[in-house]
Amino acid sequence: MESFDMMQSGSTTRFGQLALCVAASALALAACSQESAQEADTQVAAANETAAPAEAAAPAATAPAPAADNTDTISGVKFAAYTGDATKGKADFATCAACHSVDAGVNKIGPSLHGIVGRKAGTVAGFAYSAANKNSGITWTPEKLFQYLEKPQRVVPGTKMIFPGFPDPQKRADVIAYLQGNT
């Protein structure tokens, strides 16, 4: 029985180590996904070019992006209904800080967000934006950021940003308050 307990304990330890390795690998893959996403976009574009005409005529799988001046959210809430707290927003921005900086001229995986409020999308010098972002026609008002941070891929389909969004409207308002205070 003692031998069985020791074997089971060893298996549990090995399983825990395996789980830790899998989690670390997933984080590393997420950090490297920008290049993978670009390669995937290239492969999808090539596949679309060779698709049969019947497939090309099929309805789009996703709804079109809202117009550049449209700020309607999925949930229907409006930015004006919330008062952002920059202190809380700084804590929530920790999610964003892996890829973005609020320091002027400091681009990471994503562009610097210094001075984002009032800036035209896709214009930070030295950052390689997706065509979707550069050509979006968006100016980052607080209301547009509020909409974008809810679900970025909805607002700019084809963006390289893989962040799924902040479903909580208060968190979005807080992050925007933080960004406005760092301009």
C-alpha atoms as a PDB file:
ATOM      1  CA  MET A   1       0.000   0.000   0.000  1.00  0.00           C
ATOM      2  CA  GLU A   2       2.850   2.376   0.865  1.00  0.00           C
ATOM      3  CA  SER A   3       4.372   1.728  -2.572  1.00  0.00           C
ATOM      4  CA  PHE A   4       1.037   2.601  -4.236  1.00  0.00           C
ATOM      5  CA  ASP A   5       0.753   5.874  -2.248  1.00  0.00           C
ATOM      6  CA  MET A   6       4.290   6.887  -3.253  1.00  0.00           C
ATOM      7  CA  MET A   7       3.584   6.057  -6.886  1.00  0.00           C
ATOM      8  CA  GLN A   8       0.340   8.033  -6.805  1.00  0.00           C
ATOM      9  CA  SER A   9       2.089  10.998  -5.164  1.00  0.00           C
ATOM     10  CA  GLY A  10       4.776  10.927  -7.848  1.00  0.00           C
ATOM     11  CA  SER A  11       2.112  10.834 -10.561  1.00  0.00           C
ATOM     12  CA  THR A  12       0.345  13.804  -8.999  1.00  0.00           C
ATOM     13  CA  THR A  13       3.606  15.762  -8.903  1.00  0.00           C
ATOM     14  CA  ARG A  14       4.399  14.896 -12.507  1.00  0.00           C
ATOM     15  CA  PHE A  15       0.863  15.819 -13.558  1.00  0.00           C
ATOM     16  CA  GLY A  16       1.206  19.192 -11.792  1.00  0.00           C
ATOM     17  CA  GLN A  17       4.520  19.831 -13.542  1.00  0.00           C
ATOM     18  CA  LEU A  18       2.970  18.886 -16.874  1.00  0.00           C
ATOM     19  CA  ALA A  19       0.049  21.242 -16.264  1.00  0.00           C
ATOM     20  CA  LEU A  20       2.473  24.045 -15.392  1.00  0.00           C
ATOM     21  CA  CYS A  21       4.452  23.422 -18.597  1.00  0.00           C
ATOM     22  CA  VAL A  22       1.272  23.453 -20.688  1.00  0.00           C
ATOM     23  CA  ALA A  23       0.181  26.753 -19.096  1.00  0.00           C
ATOM     24  CA  ALA A  24       3.607  28.328 -19.682  1.00  0.00           C
ATOM     25  CA  SER A  25       3.567  27.147 -23.287  1.00  0.00           C
ATOM     26  CA  ALA A  26       0.114  28.657 -23.814  1.00  0.00           C
ATOM     27  CA  LEU A  27       1.307  32.020 -22.482  1.00  0.00           C
ATOM     28  CA  ALA A  28       4.377  31.928 -24.713  1.00  0.00           C
ATOM     29  CA  LEU A  29       2.229  31.115 -27.734  1.00  0.00           C
ATOM     30  CA  ALA A  30      -0.137  33.970 -26.933  1.00  0.00           C
ATOM     31  CA  ALA A  31       2.786  36.386 -26.747  1.00  0.00           C
ATOM     32  CA  CYS A  32       4.066  35.180 -30.099  1.00  0.00           C
ATOM     33  CA  SER A  33       0.661  35.126 -31.757  1.00  0.00           C
ATOM     34  CA  GLN A  34       1.135  38.435 -33.553  1.00  0.00           C
ATOM     35  CA  GLU A  35       3.437  36.803 -36.118  1.00  0.00           C
ATOM     36  CA  SER A  36       1.226  33.721 -36.266  1.00  0.00           C
ATOM     37  CA  ALA A  37      -1.831  35.898 -36.806  1.00  0.00           C
ATOM     38  CA  GLN A  38      -0.094  37.663 -39.694  1.00  0.00           C
ATOM     39  CA  GLU A  39       0.820  34.317 -41.258  1.00  0.00           C
ATOM     40  CA  ALA A  40      -2.727  33.064 -40.735  1.00  0.00           C
ATOM     41  CA  ASP A  41      -4.107  36.232 -42.361  1.00  0.00           C
ATOM     42  CA  THR A  42      -1.838  35.618 -45.361  1.00  0.00           C
ATOM     43  CA  GLN A  43      -2.993  31.994 -45.618  1.00  0.00           C
ATOM     44  CA  VAL A  44      -6.660  32.982 -45.301  1.00  0.00           C
ATOM     45  CA  ALA A  45      -6.238  35.662 -47.977  1.00  0.00           C
ATOM     46  CA  ALA A  46      -4.598  33.129 -50.310  1.00  0.00           C
ATOM     47  CA  ALA A  47      -7.389  30.619 -49.657  1.00  0.00           C
ATOM     48  CA  ASN A  48     -10.032  33.281 -50.317  1.00  0.00           C
ATOM     49  CA  GLU A  49      -8.432  34.139 -53.652  1.00  0.00           C
ATOM     50  CA  THR A  50      -8.716  30.516 -54.788  1.00  0.00           C
ATOM     51  CA  ALA A  51     -12.170  29.839 -53.305  1.00  0.00           C
ATOM     52  CA  ALA A  52     -14.938  28.660 -55.604  1.00  0.00           C
ATOM     53  CA  PRO A  53     -17.343  31.402 -56.771  1.00  0.00           C
ATOM     54  CA  ALA A  54     -20.207  29.809 -54.798  1.00  0.00           C
ATOM     55  CA  GLU A  55     -18.192  30.177 -51.592  1.00  0.00           C
ATOM     56  CA  ALA A  56     -17.334  33.784 -52.434  1.00  0.00           C
ATOM     57  CA  ALA A  57     -21.036  34.572 -52.858  1.00  0.00           C
ATOM     58  CA  ALA A  58     -21.899  33.126 -49.435  1.00  0.00           C
ATOM     59  CA  PRO A  59     -22.979  35.649 -46.803  1.00  0.00           C
ATOM     60  CA  ALA A  60     -20.297  36.957 -44.474  1.00  0.00           C
ATOM     61  CA  ALA A  61     -19.840  35.022 -41.225  1.00  0.00           C
ATOM     62  CA  THR A  62     -19.546  38.209 -39.175  1.00  0.00           C
ATOM     63  CA  ALA A  63     -21.446  41.453 -39.216  1.00  0.00           C
ATOM     64  CA  PRO A  64     -19.736  44.410 -40.874  1.00  0.00           C
ATOM     65  CA  ALA A  65     -17.792  46.781 -38.666  1.00  0.00           C
ATOM     66  CA  PRO A  66     -19.687  49.753 -37.303  1.00  0.00           C
ATOM     67  CA  ALA A  67     -19.045  52.995 -39.189  1.00  0.00           C
ATOM     68  CA  ALA A  68     -16.069  55.025 -37.987  1.00  0.00           C
ATOM     69  CA  ASP A  69     -18.386  57.564 -36.338  1.00  0.00           C
ATOM     70  CA  ASN A  70     -20.765  54.953 -34.863  1.00  0.00           C
ATOM     71  CA  THR A  71     -20.236  54.340 -31.142  1.00  0.00           C
ATOM     72  CA  ASP A  72     -23.052  51.864 -30.440  1.00  0.00           C
ATOM     73  CA  THR A  73     -21.966  49.042 -28.163  1.00  0.00           C
ATOM     74  CA  ILE A  74     -23.104  45.423 -28.307  1.00  0.00           C
ATOM     75  CA  SER A  75     -24.716  45.755 -24.885  1.00  0.00           C
ATOM     76  CA  GLY A  76     -26.385  49.059 -25.783  1.00  0.00           C
ATOM     77  CA  VAL A  77     -24.771  51.007 -22.939  1.00  0.00           C
ATOM     78  CA  LYS A  78     -23.313  54.445 -23.575  1.00  0.00           C
ATOM     79  CA  PHE A  79     -19.998  55.836 -22.384  1.00  0.00           C
ATOM     80  CA  ALA A  80     -21.784  58.914 -20.990  1.00  0.00           C
ATOM     81  CA  ALA A  81     -23.571  56.697 -18.448  1.00  0.00           C
ATOM     82  CA  TYR A  82     -20.263  55.927 -16.685  1.00  0.00           C
ATOM     83  CA  THR A  83     -17.742  57.932 -14.732  1.00  0.00           C
ATOM     84  CA  GLY A  84     -14.279  56.467 -15.115  1.00  0.00           C
ATOM     85  CA  ASP A  85     -11.869  56.094 -12.211  1.00  0.00           C
ATOM     86  CA  ALA A  86      -8.277  56.504 -13.421  1.00  0.00           C
ATOM     87  CA  THR A  87      -6.862  54.683 -10.382  1.00  0.00           C
ATOM     88  CA  LYS A  88      -8.995  51.623 -11.066  1.00  0.00           C
ATOM     89  CA  GLY A  89      -8.245  52.049 -14.776  1.00  0.00           C
ATOM     90  CA  LYS A  90      -4.511  51.844 -14.088  1.00  0.00           C
ATOM     91  CA  ALA A  91      -5.067  48.473 -12.384  1.00  0.00           C
ATOM     92  CA  ASP A  92      -7.261  47.277 -15.278  1.00  0.00           C
ATOM     93  CA  PHE A  93      -4.665  48.528 -17.777  1.00  0.00           C
ATOM     94  CA  ALA A  94      -2.296  45.875 -16.427  1.00  0.00           C
ATOM     95  CA  THR A  95      -4.062  43.539 -18.857  1.00  0.00           C
ATOM     96  CA  CYS A  96      -3.085  45.869 -21.711  1.00  0.00           C
ATOM     97  CA  ALA A  97       0.435  46.659 -20.460  1.00  0.00           C
ATOM     98  CA  ALA A  98       1.877  43.388 -21.745  1.00  0.00           C
ATOM     99  CA  CYS A  99       1.439  44.746 -25.279  1.00  0.00           C
ATOM    100  CA  HIS A 100       1.003  48.525 -24.897  1.00  0.00           C
ATOM    101  CA  SER A 101       2.804  51.374 -23.162  1.00  0.00           C
ATOM    102  CA  VAL A 102       1.405  54.761 -22.144  1.00  0.00           C
ATOM    103  CA  ASP A 103       4.833  56.326 -22.638  1.00  0.00           C
ATOM    104  CA  ALA A 104       5.284  58.483 -25.734  1.00  0.00           C
ATOM    105  CA  GLY A 105       7.239  56.753 -28.494  1.00  0.00           C
ATOM    106  CA  VAL A 106       7.377  53.373 -26.722  1.00  0.00           C
ATOM    107  CA  ASN A 107       5.900  50.742 -29.010  1.00  0.00           C
ATOM    108  CA  LYS A 108       5.715  47.146 -27.867  1.00  0.00           C
ATOM    109  CA  ILE A 109       3.771  44.344 -29.541  1.00  0.00           C
ATOM    110  CA  GLY A 110       1.105  47.044 -29.842  1.00  0.00           C
ATOM    111  CA  PRO A 111       1.555  50.770 -30.407  1.00  0.00           C
ATOM    112  CA  SER A 112       2.066  53.338 -27.665  1.00  0.00           C
ATOM    113  CA  LEU A 113      -1.261  54.517 -26.269  1.00  0.00           C
ATOM    114  CA  HIS A 114       0.183  57.843 -25.152  1.00  0.00           C
ATOM    115  CA  GLY A 115      -2.152  60.545 -26.448  1.00  0.00           C
ATOM    116  CA  ILE A 116      -4.586  58.042 -27.948  1.00  0.00           C
ATOM    117  CA  VAL A 117      -7.677  60.107 -27.162  1.00  0.00           C
ATOM    118  CA  GLY A 118      -8.242  62.335 -30.174  1.00  0.00           C
ATOM    119  CA  ARG A 119      -5.704  60.502 -32.365  1.00  0.00           C
ATOM    120  CA  LYS A 120      -6.511  58.998 -35.749  1.00  0.00           C
ATOM    121  CA  ALA A 121      -6.195  55.188 -35.787  1.00  0.00           C
ATOM    122  CA  GLY A 122      -3.076  53.676 -37.312  1.00  0.00           C
ATOM    123  CA  THR A 123      -0.860  56.746 -37.042  1.00  0.00           C
ATOM    124  CA  VAL A 124       1.775  56.054 -34.373  1.00  0.00           C
ATOM    125  CA  ALA A 125       5.175  56.429 -36.009  1.00  0.00           C
ATOM    126  CA  GLY A 126       7.285  53.296 -36.125  1.00  0.00           C
ATOM    127  CA  PHE A 127       4.451  50.817 -35.607  1.00  0.00           C
ATOM    128  CA  ALA A 128       3.401  48.348 -38.327  1.00  0.00           C
ATOM    129  CA  TYR A 129      -0.397  48.479 -38.204  1.00  0.00           C
ATOM    130  CA  SER A 130      -2.734  46.099 -39.961  1.00  0.00           C
ATOM    131  CA  ALA A 131      -4.354  47.506 -43.097  1.00  0.00           C
ATOM    132  CA  ALA A 132      -7.690  47.151 -41.296  1.00  0.00           C
ATOM    133  CA  ASN A 133      -6.577  49.516 -38.546  1.00  0.00           C
ATOM    134  CA  LYS A 134      -4.819  52.011 -40.832  1.00  0.00           C
ATOM    135  CA  ASN A 135      -7.815  52.186 -43.150  1.00  0.00           C
ATOM    136  CA  SER A 136     -10.541  52.195 -40.482  1.00  0.00           C
ATOM    137  CA  GLY A 137     -11.116  55.950 -40.588  1.00  0.00           C
ATOM    138  CA  ILE A 138     -11.469  55.934 -36.799  1.00  0.00           C
ATOM    139  CA  THR A 139     -10.529  58.805 -34.542  1.00  0.00           C
ATOM    140  CA  TRP A 140     -10.163  57.547 -30.986  1.00  0.00           C
ATOM    141  CA  THR A 141     -12.722  59.530 -29.016  1.00  0.00           C
ATOM    142  CA  PRO A 142     -13.611  58.281 -25.528  1.00  0.00           C
ATOM    143  CA  GLU A 143     -16.898  56.982 -26.954  1.00  0.00           C
ATOM    144  CA  LYS A 144     -15.179  55.087 -29.784  1.00  0.00           C
ATOM    145  CA  LEU A 145     -12.617  53.619 -27.365  1.00  0.00           C
ATOM    146  CA  PHE A 146     -15.517  52.531 -25.133  1.00  0.00           C
ATOM    147  CA  GLN A 147     -17.059  50.689 -28.078  1.00  0.00           C
ATOM    148  CA  TYR A 148     -13.707  49.257 -29.250  1.00  0.00           C
ATOM    149  CA  LEU A 149     -12.657  47.985 -25.833  1.00  0.00           C
ATOM    150  CA  GLU A 150     -15.902  46.017 -25.592  1.00  0.00           C
ATOM    151  CA  LYS A 151     -14.866  43.782 -28.516  1.00  0.00           C
ATOM    152  CA  PRO A 152     -11.975  45.067 -30.675  1.00  0.00           C
ATOM    153  CA  GLN A 153     -12.447  42.577 -33.528  1.00  0.00           C
ATOM    154  CA  ARG A 154     -16.042  43.761 -33.994  1.00  0.00           C
ATOM    155  CA  VAL A 155     -15.001  47.398 -34.424  1.00  0.00           C
ATOM    156  CA  VAL A 156     -11.887  46.755 -36.535  1.00  0.00           C
ATOM    157  CA  PRO A 157     -12.269  43.353 -38.212  1.00  0.00           C
ATOM    158  CA  GLY A 158      -8.821  42.191 -39.238  1.00  0.00           C
ATOM    159  CA  THR A 159      -7.004  43.967 -36.419  1.00  0.00           C
ATOM    160  CA  LYS A 160      -3.851  42.219 -35.225  1.00  0.00           C
ATOM    161  CA  MET A 161      -4.913  42.767 -31.624  1.00  0.00           C
ATOM    162  CA  ILE A 162      -6.036  39.465 -30.121  1.00  0.00           C
ATOM    163  CA  PHE A 163      -7.475  40.919 -26.900  1.00  0.00           C
ATOM    164  CA  PRO A 164     -11.114  39.765 -26.590  1.00  0.00           C
ATOM    165  CA  GLY A 165     -12.262  42.952 -24.856  1.00  0.00           C
ATOM    166  CA  PHE A 166     -13.628  44.134 -21.525  1.00  0.00           C
ATOM    167  CA  PRO A 167     -17.296  43.134 -21.313  1.00  0.00           C
ATOM    168  CA  ASP A 168     -17.677  45.213 -18.115  1.00  0.00           C
ATOM    169  CA  PRO A 169     -18.530  48.779 -19.202  1.00  0.00           C
ATOM    170  CA  GLN A 170     -17.219  50.244 -15.932  1.00  0.00           C
ATOM    171  CA  LYS A 171     -13.780  48.708 -16.559  1.00  0.00           C
ATOM    172  CA  ARG A 172     -13.778  50.225 -20.042  1.00  0.00           C
ATOM    173  CA  ALA A 173     -14.648  53.652 -18.630  1.00  0.00           C
ATOM    174  CA  ASP A 174     -11.929  53.285 -15.988  1.00  0.00           C
ATOM    175  CA  VAL A 175      -9.263  52.352 -18.559  1.00  0.00           C
ATOM    176  CA  ILE A 176     -10.276  55.314 -20.723  1.00  0.00           C
ATOM    177  CA  ALA A 177     -10.005  57.639 -17.687  1.00  0.00           C
ATOM    178  CA  TYR A 178      -6.510  56.255 -17.073  1.00  0.00           C
ATOM    179  CA  LEU A 179      -5.513  56.748 -20.720  1.00  0.00           C
ATOM    180  CA  GLN A 180      -6.858  60.307 -20.720  1.00  0.00           C
ATOM    181  CA  GLY A 181      -4.753  61.077 -17.645  1.00  0.00           C
ATOM    182  CA  ASN A 182      -1.597  59.805 -19.378  1.00  0.00           C
ATOM    183  CA  THR A 183      -1.589  62.065 -22.398  1.00  0.00           C
END
